[in-house]
């Protein structure tokens, strides 16, 4: 007997809407479940198919209210060495496994993530302070990143392609991409699911094994990803998790010769050091994604309401803690006043509070270090320019125990000011007037980072010049949903130029998974 199965709601950053009652009802169910069953527990590392303790423990406190979310085993260098050994032991069987079988397992992992998206998203929201929609997007993006890597392997027939010959029919040559071996995956707090599962999924789909270090600000998300990997059928030793500080766990992953490749997402300073120091005896693959100081450019021919909406969403979504956040804005002088007024009005309307609650769009920053960085930036802005809105801690309505700060717009700073140059990772954006879009293009490109950029104009020739001249890996034109943010796997490949990356290959794009493989030319004569 046939039954009607209601299709699962497709979630992306660009399509999520806060007025979807069904979505929120499902989230509430997931929230109730995790609060009753998963909060406050003890979580261990996972090496070679077995859980293990570490050299002590650490607690994770929510940035919302400082509540203890769980206690976690603190990994040691020896734990990392054992994880690398387990991954090396598991590699031959996993790497030689037919790609069709690896893809089938990883697609099951992706399905587990999608099936548990409400529970995982509720935990993520509490753990790092994302609002409901951002948290749901993070989790589902992870599943789609894994699916995309699987699709790329499948479309390319496992990256095994016949080559030509010079007329001798007895000579047969193939180009085959093969996995390296053991990859280290070091993830950040800001997309603790997507920037863990995406890289790990790419490495695994290519046939590598993984040792994974989650951010110590987001260890619960790491545990959820581990759960999905195990329940999806990843064999023992293929995916290992070691939690703990960078000076122990991260340093061992960087220094251990048993690691064949490493992928890191985080600050330019840490990523650049890793890039220069990972390979010691011979070159090894290093994928580092290192942030951005992302501009939005507003032409006098722009739809100013559309531009103000896009800036607000990208500057302040997740409290500006995205590598793609819109942290600087260049506006043609004739429309500066109108654009600024609209942006201030939209910023003033932002609802700030516990991001787990449906009513709130903006939550806290991740920790005290971020608050201190905010205070320093505000102090400089007041000294050298003008704070148009924000610049304060938010403590009313019971928020005094969390890390809540007001979204801030600053004007009247010199274009070469530090606040136009340094990536801050806080809800803070600066605006400058320019005399032409060409001046804005020059100022935008005059930076060592080049991750994302946005442009607003109803003049097609101006838009074409922007696309031709801008030095960034992900660019948007006239996008109300976000001036510089909101990429999705298979829709907008996400990766940077210049100091934002080491490879120029974008996640969720056509050339990503190949980075985890190396080419072998095979010539066989009959």
Protein backbone atom coordinates (compact mmCIF):
# COMPACT_ATOMS: atom_id res chain seq x y z
CA UNK A 1 0.00 0.00 0.00
CA UNK A 2 1.50 3.34 -1.03
CA UNK A 3 1.91 6.05 1.59
CA UNK A 4 2.67 9.73 1.20
CA UNK A 5 6.07 10.60 2.67
CA UNK A 6 6.51 14.28 3.34
CA UNK A 7 9.85 15.47 1.93
CA UNK A 8 12.38 16.73 4.46
CA UNK A 9 12.77 20.50 4.48
CA UNK A 10 15.87 21.51 2.52
CA UNK A 11 18.00 23.84 4.61
CA UNK A 12 20.54 26.36 3.26
CA UNK A 13 21.76 29.70 4.61
CA UNK A 14 20.03 31.58 1.80
CA UNK A 15 16.65 29.84 2.05
CA UNK A 16 16.12 29.53 5.82
CA UNK A 17 13.25 31.68 7.09
CA UNK A 18 12.33 32.45 10.67
CA UNK A 19 8.60 32.30 9.92
CA UNK A 20 8.61 28.54 9.29
CA UNK A 21 6.59 27.20 12.23
CA UNK A 22 7.17 23.58 11.30
CA UNK A 23 10.93 24.08 11.33
CA UNK A 24 10.83 25.67 14.78
CA UNK A 25 8.58 22.93 16.16
CA UNK A 26 11.12 20.34 15.02
CA UNK A 27 13.96 22.37 16.53
CA UNK A 28 12.10 22.58 19.86
CA UNK A 29 11.77 18.80 19.90
CA UNK A 30 15.50 18.42 19.24
CA UNK A 31 16.30 20.98 21.93
CA UNK A 32 14.15 19.22 24.50
CA UNK A 33 15.82 15.91 23.69
CA UNK A 34 19.42 17.10 24.05
CA UNK A 35 18.71 19.05 27.23
CA UNK A 36 17.30 15.93 28.80
CA UNK A 37 19.85 13.41 27.55
CA UNK A 38 23.14 14.93 26.41
CA UNK A 39 24.13 17.99 28.41
CA UNK A 40 26.58 17.81 31.28
CA UNK A 41 28.14 14.45 30.42
CA UNK A 42 31.73 13.27 30.15
CA UNK A 43 33.15 12.80 26.66
CA UNK A 44 36.29 10.89 25.74
CA UNK A 45 38.73 10.79 22.86
CA UNK A 46 38.36 8.09 20.22
CA UNK A 47 41.41 6.26 18.92
CA UNK A 48 41.49 3.11 16.81
CA UNK A 49 37.86 2.29 17.46
CA UNK A 50 38.05 2.70 21.26
CA UNK A 51 37.20 5.51 23.62
CA UNK A 52 39.99 6.68 25.92
CA UNK A 53 40.73 9.22 28.61
CA UNK A 54 43.45 11.83 28.31
CA UNK A 55 45.86 13.63 30.58
CA UNK A 56 43.16 15.34 32.61
CA UNK A 57 39.94 17.02 31.58
CA UNK A 58 38.54 20.39 30.56
CA UNK A 59 35.07 21.89 30.72
CA UNK A 60 33.09 23.58 28.00
CA UNK A 61 31.03 26.59 29.13
CA UNK A 62 28.33 28.10 26.94
CA UNK A 63 29.06 31.68 25.86
CA UNK A 64 25.37 32.41 26.41
CA UNK A 65 25.29 32.01 30.20
CA UNK A 66 28.51 30.23 31.22
CA UNK A 67 26.60 27.00 31.96
CA UNK A 68 28.77 23.88 31.90
CA UNK A 69 27.81 21.88 28.82
CA UNK A 70 30.13 18.95 29.43
CA UNK A 71 33.50 17.66 30.57
CA UNK A 72 36.03 16.44 28.01
CA UNK A 73 39.14 14.30 28.03
CA UNK A 74 42.21 16.44 27.40
CA UNK A 75 44.34 14.65 24.83
CA UNK A 76 48.10 14.33 25.17
CA UNK A 77 50.87 14.06 22.61
CA UNK A 78 50.88 10.31 23.23
CA UNK A 79 47.16 10.14 22.45
CA UNK A 80 47.88 11.86 19.14
CA UNK A 81 50.76 9.47 18.38
CA UNK A 82 48.48 6.52 19.07
CA UNK A 83 45.76 8.02 16.87
CA UNK A 84 48.24 8.50 14.02
CA UNK A 85 49.42 4.91 14.44
CA UNK A 86 45.81 3.68 14.35
CA UNK A 87 45.12 5.72 11.23
CA UNK A 88 48.24 4.39 9.52
CA UNK A 89 47.23 0.83 10.38
CA UNK A 90 43.73 1.36 8.95
CA UNK A 91 44.88 3.17 5.81
CA UNK A 92 45.87 0.27 3.52
CA UNK A 93 42.47 -1.41 3.73
CA UNK A 94 40.47 1.84 3.53
CA UNK A 95 42.60 3.30 0.75
CA UNK A 96 42.34 0.16 -1.40
CA UNK A 97 38.65 -0.25 -0.79
CA UNK A 98 36.65 0.33 -3.99
CA UNK A 99 35.67 3.97 -4.18
CA UNK A 100 32.04 2.96 -4.60
CA UNK A 101 32.06 1.39 -1.13
CA UNK A 102 33.74 4.39 0.49
CA UNK A 103 31.21 6.73 -1.11
CA UNK A 104 28.29 4.57 0.03
CA UNK A 105 29.51 4.66 3.64
CA UNK A 106 30.07 8.40 3.60
CA UNK A 107 26.65 9.04 2.12
CA UNK A 108 25.23 7.11 5.06
CA UNK A 109 27.21 9.39 7.38
CA UNK A 110 25.70 12.42 5.64
CA UNK A 111 22.23 10.95 6.02
CA UNK A 112 22.80 10.39 9.75
CA UNK A 113 23.76 14.06 10.11
CA UNK A 114 20.65 15.21 8.24
CA UNK A 115 18.43 12.88 10.27
CA UNK A 116 19.80 14.30 13.52
CA UNK A 117 20.06 17.89 12.36
CA UNK A 118 17.67 19.21 15.01
CA UNK A 119 19.51 17.66 17.97
CA UNK A 120 22.95 18.51 16.59
CA UNK A 121 21.86 22.07 15.78
CA UNK A 122 20.43 22.65 19.25
CA UNK A 123 23.72 21.57 20.82
CA UNK A 124 25.71 23.71 18.39
CA UNK A 125 23.58 26.77 19.15
CA UNK A 126 24.21 26.42 22.87
CA UNK A 127 27.88 25.58 22.38
CA UNK A 128 29.02 28.53 20.24
CA UNK A 129 26.08 30.96 20.36
CA UNK A 130 24.65 30.65 16.84
CA UNK A 131 21.00 31.42 16.34
CA UNK A 132 18.69 28.60 15.32
CA UNK A 133 18.86 29.20 11.60
CA UNK A 134 22.65 29.60 11.53
CA UNK A 135 23.07 26.42 13.57
CA UNK A 136 20.73 24.45 11.32
CA UNK A 137 22.63 25.70 8.29
CA UNK A 138 25.98 24.69 9.76
CA UNK A 139 24.84 21.12 10.40
CA UNK A 140 23.13 20.60 7.05
CA UNK A 141 26.03 22.20 5.19
CA UNK A 142 28.23 19.50 6.71
CA UNK A 143 26.06 16.76 5.25
CA UNK A 144 26.03 18.45 1.85
CA UNK A 145 29.80 18.97 1.86
CA UNK A 146 30.27 15.25 2.44
CA UNK A 147 27.74 14.44 -0.28
CA UNK A 148 29.48 16.82 -2.68
CA UNK A 149 32.87 15.15 -2.20
CA UNK A 150 31.21 11.79 -2.81
CA UNK A 151 29.57 13.16 -5.95
CA UNK A 152 32.91 14.43 -7.26
CA UNK A 153 34.55 11.03 -6.77
CA UNK A 154 31.60 9.36 -8.48
CA UNK A 155 31.44 11.79 -11.42
CA UNK A 156 35.14 11.24 -12.05
CA UNK A 157 34.91 7.45 -11.80
CA UNK A 158 37.21 7.40 -8.80
CA UNK A 159 39.69 9.67 -10.65
CA UNK A 160 40.93 6.80 -12.78
CA UNK A 161 41.13 7.92 -16.41
CA UNK A 162 42.61 6.35 -19.56
CA UNK A 163 45.22 8.39 -21.40
CA UNK A 164 46.28 8.42 -25.04
CA UNK A 165 49.13 6.56 -26.70
CA UNK A 166 51.50 7.13 -29.61
CA UNK A 167 49.94 4.57 -31.93
CA UNK A 168 51.13 1.39 -30.26
CA UNK A 169 47.97 -0.50 -29.29
CA UNK A 170 49.93 -2.71 -26.90
CA UNK A 171 50.69 0.26 -24.64
CA UNK A 172 48.03 1.32 -22.15
CA UNK A 173 48.38 4.32 -19.85
CA UNK A 174 46.06 5.57 -17.12
CA UNK A 175 46.11 8.60 -14.86
CA UNK A 176 45.08 7.57 -11.36
CA UNK A 177 44.68 9.79 -8.31
CA UNK A 178 45.61 7.96 -5.11
CA UNK A 179 45.27 8.94 -1.43
CA UNK A 180 48.29 10.13 0.53
CA UNK A 181 47.66 8.24 3.79
CA UNK A 182 46.91 9.97 7.11
CA UNK A 183 45.44 13.48 7.16
CA UNK A 184 45.16 15.74 10.19
CA UNK A 185 42.00 17.88 10.33
CA UNK A 186 42.15 20.90 12.67
CA UNK A 187 38.86 22.78 12.83
CA UNK A 188 37.72 26.19 14.18
CA UNK A 189 34.90 27.08 16.55
CA UNK A 190 32.88 29.22 14.16
CA UNK A 191 31.68 26.46 11.83
CA UNK A 192 32.43 23.53 14.12
CA UNK A 193 30.41 21.07 12.04
CA UNK A 194 30.91 22.23 8.46
CA UNK A 195 34.63 22.95 8.78
CA UNK A 196 35.17 19.60 10.47
CA UNK A 197 32.94 17.25 8.51
CA UNK A 198 33.60 18.95 5.18
CA UNK A 199 37.40 18.53 5.24
CA UNK A 200 37.22 15.13 6.92
CA UNK A 201 34.66 13.97 4.36
CA UNK A 202 36.88 15.10 1.50
CA UNK A 203 39.91 13.30 2.93
CA UNK A 204 37.93 10.12 3.59
CA UNK A 205 36.21 10.08 0.21
CA UNK A 206 39.64 10.29 -1.40
CA UNK A 207 40.72 7.17 0.52
CA UNK A 208 42.73 8.72 3.35
CA UNK A 209 42.33 8.11 7.06
CA UNK A 210 41.89 11.01 9.51
CA UNK A 211 43.02 12.25 12.89
CA UNK A 212 40.67 15.05 13.87
CA UNK A 213 41.20 17.82 16.43
CA UNK A 214 38.06 19.88 17.11
CA UNK A 215 38.25 23.38 18.55
CA UNK A 216 38.34 23.40 22.35
CA UNK A 217 35.56 26.00 22.10
CA UNK A 218 33.38 23.46 20.26
CA UNK A 219 34.17 19.92 21.47
CA UNK A 220 30.51 18.86 21.60
CA UNK A 221 30.17 19.40 17.86
CA UNK A 222 33.26 17.22 17.45
CA UNK A 223 31.60 14.49 19.48
CA UNK A 224 28.44 14.73 17.36
CA UNK A 225 30.47 14.37 14.16
CA UNK A 226 32.25 11.36 15.65
CA UNK A 227 28.87 9.82 16.51
CA UNK A 228 27.68 10.30 12.93
CA UNK A 229 30.87 8.75 11.53
CA UNK A 230 30.55 5.71 13.77
CA UNK A 231 26.83 5.22 13.19
CA UNK A 232 27.30 5.71 9.44
CA UNK A 233 29.71 2.77 9.33
CA UNK A 234 33.21 4.29 9.18
CA UNK A 235 35.57 1.42 10.17
CA UNK A 236 37.72 1.54 13.29
CA UNK A 237 40.91 3.51 12.90
CA UNK A 238 39.72 5.38 9.81
CA UNK A 239 38.39 8.37 11.78
CA UNK A 240 40.03 9.24 15.10
CA UNK A 241 39.29 12.15 17.45
CA UNK A 242 41.69 13.75 19.94
CA UNK A 243 40.55 16.82 21.86
CA UNK A 244 42.79 19.25 23.66
CA UNK A 245 44.97 22.34 23.44
CA UNK A 246 46.88 23.41 20.38
CA UNK A 247 50.22 23.37 22.15
CA UNK A 248 49.88 19.61 22.69
CA UNK A 249 47.39 18.06 20.26
CA UNK A 250 47.82 20.58 17.45
CA UNK A 251 51.60 20.70 17.79
CA UNK A 252 51.95 16.92 17.61
CA UNK A 253 49.79 16.78 14.50
CA UNK A 254 52.02 19.40 12.89
CA UNK A 255 55.32 17.84 13.94
CA UNK A 256 54.68 14.11 13.61
CA UNK A 257 56.19 12.59 10.46
CA UNK A 258 53.39 10.01 10.40
CA UNK A 259 50.94 12.69 9.19
CA UNK A 260 50.96 12.83 5.38
CA UNK A 261 48.80 15.93 4.95
CA UNK A 262 47.12 18.56 7.10
CA UNK A 263 44.13 20.86 6.71
CA UNK A 264 43.60 23.79 9.05
CA UNK A 265 40.99 26.55 9.24
CA UNK A 266 41.71 29.55 11.45
CA UNK A 267 43.72 32.73 11.72
CA UNK A 268 46.30 33.88 9.19
CA UNK A 269 49.04 33.93 11.81
CA UNK A 270 48.56 30.30 12.87
CA UNK A 271 47.88 29.08 9.33
CA UNK A 272 50.91 30.81 7.87
CA UNK A 273 53.16 29.33 10.57
CA UNK A 274 51.72 25.89 9.86
CA UNK A 275 52.19 26.31 6.11
CA UNK A 276 55.85 27.21 6.53
CA UNK A 277 56.71 24.56 9.13
CA UNK A 278 54.61 21.43 8.48
CA UNK A 279 56.87 19.76 5.90
CA UNK A 280 60.40 19.14 7.17
CA UNK A 281 62.00 16.33 5.15
CA UNK A 282 60.17 16.78 1.84
CA UNK A 283 57.12 18.69 0.56
CA UNK A 284 53.76 17.50 1.91
CA UNK A 285 50.27 18.85 1.20
CA UNK A 286 49.09 21.67 3.43
CA UNK A 287 45.60 23.15 3.05
CA UNK A 288 45.15 26.26 5.16
CA UNK A 289 42.07 28.49 5.07
CA UNK A 290 43.03 31.72 6.82
CA UNK A 291 40.19 34.21 6.98
CA UNK A 292 39.38 37.48 5.30
CA UNK A 293 38.89 41.23 5.64
CA UNK A 294 35.95 41.24 3.31
CA UNK A 295 34.72 44.41 1.57
CA UNK A 296 31.32 45.45 0.32
CA UNK A 297 31.28 48.17 -2.34
CA UNK A 298 28.22 50.35 -2.82
CA UNK A 299 27.82 52.26 -6.07
CA UNK A 300 25.73 55.40 -6.31
CA UNK A 301 23.63 53.34 -8.74
CA UNK A 302 22.80 50.68 -6.15
CA UNK A 303 19.49 49.70 -4.58
CA UNK A 304 20.45 51.09 -1.17
CA UNK A 305 17.92 49.14 0.86
CA UNK A 306 19.12 45.90 -0.70
CA UNK A 307 22.71 46.90 0.02
CA UNK A 308 22.04 47.88 3.64
CA UNK A 309 20.24 44.58 4.26
CA UNK A 310 23.06 42.57 2.73
CA UNK A 311 25.72 44.43 4.72
CA UNK A 312 23.84 44.04 8.00
CA UNK A 313 23.37 40.31 7.52
CA UNK A 314 26.98 39.68 6.57
CA UNK A 315 28.57 42.06 9.07
CA UNK A 316 26.62 40.86 12.09
CA UNK A 317 25.43 37.31 11.38
CA UNK A 318 26.86 35.07 14.11
CA UNK A 319 28.30 38.22 15.70
CA UNK A 320 30.74 38.78 12.84
CA UNK A 321 32.56 35.54 13.69
CA UNK A 322 32.75 34.28 10.12
CA UNK A 323 35.86 34.35 7.98
CA UNK A 324 33.55 35.74 5.29
CA UNK A 325 32.05 38.51 7.48
CA UNK A 326 31.62 41.93 5.87
CA UNK A 327 33.97 43.97 8.04
CA UNK A 328 34.63 46.97 5.74
CA UNK A 329 32.34 48.95 3.45
CA UNK A 330 33.22 51.42 0.69
CA UNK A 331 30.40 53.72 -0.45
CA UNK A 332 30.35 56.27 -3.24
CA UNK A 333 30.18 59.66 -1.59
CA UNK A 334 26.80 60.89 -2.97
CA UNK A 335 24.93 57.99 -1.29
CA UNK A 336 27.01 57.64 1.88
CA UNK A 337 24.48 59.39 4.13
CA UNK A 338 21.48 57.46 2.82
CA UNK A 339 23.22 54.09 2.94
CA UNK A 340 24.56 54.74 6.44
CA UNK A 341 21.14 55.77 7.73
CA UNK A 342 19.54 52.61 6.36
CA UNK A 343 22.29 50.40 7.80
CA UNK A 344 22.03 52.01 11.25
CA UNK A 345 18.24 51.56 11.23
CA UNK A 346 18.53 47.89 10.30
CA UNK A 347 21.23 47.34 12.91
CA UNK A 348 19.10 49.03 15.57
CA UNK A 349 16.29 46.55 14.82
CA UNK A 350 18.43 43.46 15.49
CA UNK A 351 17.08 41.33 18.33
CA UNK A 352 19.89 40.39 20.75
CA UNK A 353 19.61 37.62 23.32
CA UNK A 354 19.83 33.89 23.92
CA UNK A 355 20.20 32.64 20.32
CA UNK A 356 18.52 29.35 21.16
CA UNK A 357 15.25 31.30 21.48
CA UNK A 358 13.38 31.80 18.24
CA UNK A 359 12.92 35.54 18.80
CA UNK A 360 16.63 36.37 18.86
CA UNK A 361 18.81 36.85 15.79
CA UNK A 362 22.12 37.80 17.44
CA UNK A 363 23.82 35.91 20.23
CA UNK A 364 27.11 36.31 22.11
CA UNK A 365 30.70 36.26 20.93
CA UNK A 366 32.58 33.08 21.74
CA UNK A 367 34.71 34.01 24.77
CA UNK A 368 36.32 36.70 26.91
CA UNK A 369 39.17 37.16 24.43
CA UNK A 370 36.63 38.18 21.79
CA UNK A 371 35.04 40.66 24.22
CA UNK A 372 38.47 42.17 24.92
CA UNK A 373 39.12 42.45 21.17
CA UNK A 374 35.77 44.22 20.80
CA UNK A 375 36.55 46.65 23.61
CA UNK A 376 39.89 47.52 22.05
CA UNK A 377 38.35 48.11 18.62
CA UNK A 378 35.61 50.32 20.08
CA UNK A 379 38.17 52.34 22.01
CA UNK A 380 40.18 52.98 18.84
CA UNK A 381 37.02 53.82 16.90
CA UNK A 382 35.93 56.41 19.47
CA UNK A 383 39.43 57.91 19.50
CA UNK A 384 40.02 58.07 15.75
CA UNK A 385 36.54 58.09 14.19
CA UNK A 386 32.87 58.00 15.13
CA UNK A 387 30.76 55.14 16.47
CA UNK A 388 27.46 55.40 14.60
CA UNK A 389 25.71 52.66 16.57
CA UNK A 390 26.78 50.07 19.11
CA UNK A 391 30.07 50.07 20.98
CA UNK A 392 28.59 48.66 24.20
CA UNK A 393 28.21 45.47 26.17
CA UNK A 394 24.66 44.10 26.31
CA UNK A 395 23.68 43.08 29.85
CA UNK A 396 19.95 43.75 30.21
CA UNK A 397 17.28 41.02 30.33
CA UNK A 398 19.52 38.54 32.12
CA UNK A 399 22.41 38.63 29.63
CA UNK A 400 25.05 39.86 32.07
CA UNK A 401 26.62 36.41 32.50
CA UNK A 402 27.17 35.91 28.75
CA UNK A 403 29.54 37.47 26.23
CA UNK A 404 27.03 39.80 24.58
CA UNK A 405 28.18 42.93 22.74
CA UNK A 406 26.25 45.31 20.51
CA UNK A 407 26.66 45.23 16.72
CA UNK A 408 28.76 48.24 15.84
CA UNK A 409 29.05 50.50 12.80
CA UNK A 410 31.93 52.98 12.65
CA UNK A 411 32.55 55.90 10.31
CA UNK A 412 35.01 58.77 9.79
CA UNK A 413 38.15 56.65 10.08
CA UNK A 414 41.11 57.08 7.72
CA UNK A 415 41.03 54.43 4.99
CA UNK A 416 44.42 53.11 6.14
CA UNK A 417 43.34 52.71 9.77
CA UNK A 418 44.03 49.41 11.53
CA UNK A 419 40.32 48.72 11.78
CA UNK A 420 40.18 48.61 7.97
CA UNK A 421 43.09 46.16 7.93
CA UNK A 422 42.88 43.66 10.82
CA UNK A 423 40.46 40.74 10.89
CA UNK A 424 38.57 41.21 14.18
CA UNK A 425 36.01 38.38 14.32
CA UNK A 426 33.46 40.50 16.21
CA UNK A 427 30.20 42.28 15.22
CA UNK A 428 31.99 45.36 13.96
CA UNK A 429 32.14 46.99 10.54
CA UNK A 430 33.70 50.21 9.28
CA UNK A 431 32.47 52.50 6.48
CA UNK A 432 34.43 54.87 4.25
CA UNK A 433 33.36 57.22 1.47
CA UNK A 434 35.02 56.89 -1.94
CA UNK A 435 34.91 59.13 -4.98
CA UNK A 436 34.41 56.27 -7.48
CA UNK A 437 33.89 52.54 -7.64
CA UNK A 438 37.38 52.30 -9.11
CA UNK A 439 38.79 53.78 -5.93
CA UNK A 440 36.75 51.24 -3.98
CA UNK A 441 38.13 48.38 -6.11
CA UNK A 442 41.67 49.60 -5.41
CA UNK A 443 41.13 49.89 -1.66
CA UNK A 444 39.43 46.49 -1.55
CA UNK A 445 42.31 44.80 -3.36
CA UNK A 446 44.98 46.55 -1.30
CA UNK A 447 45.01 43.81 1.33
CA UNK A 448 46.91 40.57 1.80
CA UNK A 449 43.67 38.63 2.33
CA UNK A 450 41.18 37.91 -0.44
CA UNK A 451 38.35 35.65 0.68
CA UNK A 452 34.96 37.21 -0.19
CA UNK A 453 33.64 40.51 -1.56
CA UNK A 454 30.29 42.05 -2.42
CA UNK A 455 29.13 44.72 -4.87
CA UNK A 456 25.87 46.61 -5.26
CA UNK A 457 24.99 48.46 -8.47
CA UNK A 458 22.22 48.40 -11.06
CA UNK A 459 24.73 49.30 -13.76
CA UNK A 460 25.76 46.14 -15.63
CA UNK A 461 29.03 47.65 -16.83
CA UNK A 462 30.02 48.43 -13.24
CA UNK A 463 29.11 44.91 -12.16
CA UNK A 464 31.21 43.44 -14.95
CA UNK A 465 34.18 45.60 -13.92
CA UNK A 466 33.82 44.41 -10.34
CA UNK A 467 33.83 40.77 -11.42
CA UNK A 468 36.83 41.39 -13.63
CA UNK A 469 38.94 43.34 -11.14
CA UNK A 470 38.15 42.16 -7.61
CA UNK A 471 40.77 39.94 -5.96
CA UNK A 472 38.70 37.50 -3.92
CA UNK A 473 37.72 33.86 -4.20
CA UNK A 474 33.97 34.22 -3.51
CA UNK A 475 32.11 37.25 -4.85
CA UNK A 476 28.49 38.35 -4.79
CA UNK A 477 26.62 41.02 -6.75
CA UNK A 478 23.35 42.60 -5.50
CA UNK A 479 22.72 39.91 -2.91
CA UNK A 480 20.18 40.87 -0.25
CA UNK A 481 20.69 37.63 1.67
CA UNK A 482 24.28 38.62 2.45
CA UNK A 483 26.86 40.94 0.94
CA UNK A 484 29.81 38.60 1.55
CA UNK A 485 28.45 35.49 3.31
CA UNK A 486 26.23 32.47 2.70
CA UNK A 487 28.03 30.07 0.32
CA UNK A 488 26.63 26.54 -0.06
CA UNK A 489 28.23 23.33 -1.40
CA UNK A 490 27.58 22.79 -5.07
CA UNK A 491 26.11 26.30 -5.36
CA UNK A 492 28.90 28.70 -4.38
CA UNK A 493 32.34 27.04 -4.01
CA UNK A 494 34.01 28.59 -0.96
CA UNK A 495 37.71 29.43 -0.95
CA UNK A 496 39.99 32.41 -1.03
CA UNK A 497 42.80 34.08 -2.91
CA UNK A 498 46.10 35.54 -1.70
CA UNK A 499 46.66 35.14 2.04
CA UNK A 500 43.23 33.63 2.62
CA UNK A 501 44.33 30.22 1.35
CA UNK A 502 47.31 28.13 0.32
CA UNK A 503 45.75 26.30 -2.61
CA UNK A 504 43.14 28.42 -4.40
CA UNK A 505 40.78 25.41 -4.44
CA UNK A 506 37.35 25.95 -2.94
CA UNK A 507 35.29 23.71 -0.67
CA UNK A 508 32.07 22.55 -2.30
CA UNK A 509 33.62 23.11 -5.73
CA UNK A 510 34.85 20.95 -8.57
CA UNK A 511 38.53 20.83 -7.55
CA UNK A 512 38.41 20.33 -3.78
CA UNK A 513 38.59 16.59 -3.16
CA UNK A 514 41.55 16.18 -5.54
CA UNK A 515 43.70 18.07 -3.03
CA UNK A 516 43.64 14.99 -0.80
CA UNK A 517 45.12 12.82 -3.58
CA UNK A 518 48.27 12.57 -5.71
CA UNK A 519 48.57 11.53 -9.32
CA UNK A 520 50.18 8.35 -10.59
CA UNK A 521 50.73 7.69 -14.29
CA UNK A 522 50.51 3.95 -14.99
CA UNK A 523 51.85 2.58 -18.29
CA UNK A 524 51.41 -1.15 -18.95
CA UNK A 525 52.63 -2.93 -22.08
CA UNK A 526 50.85 -6.11 -23.20
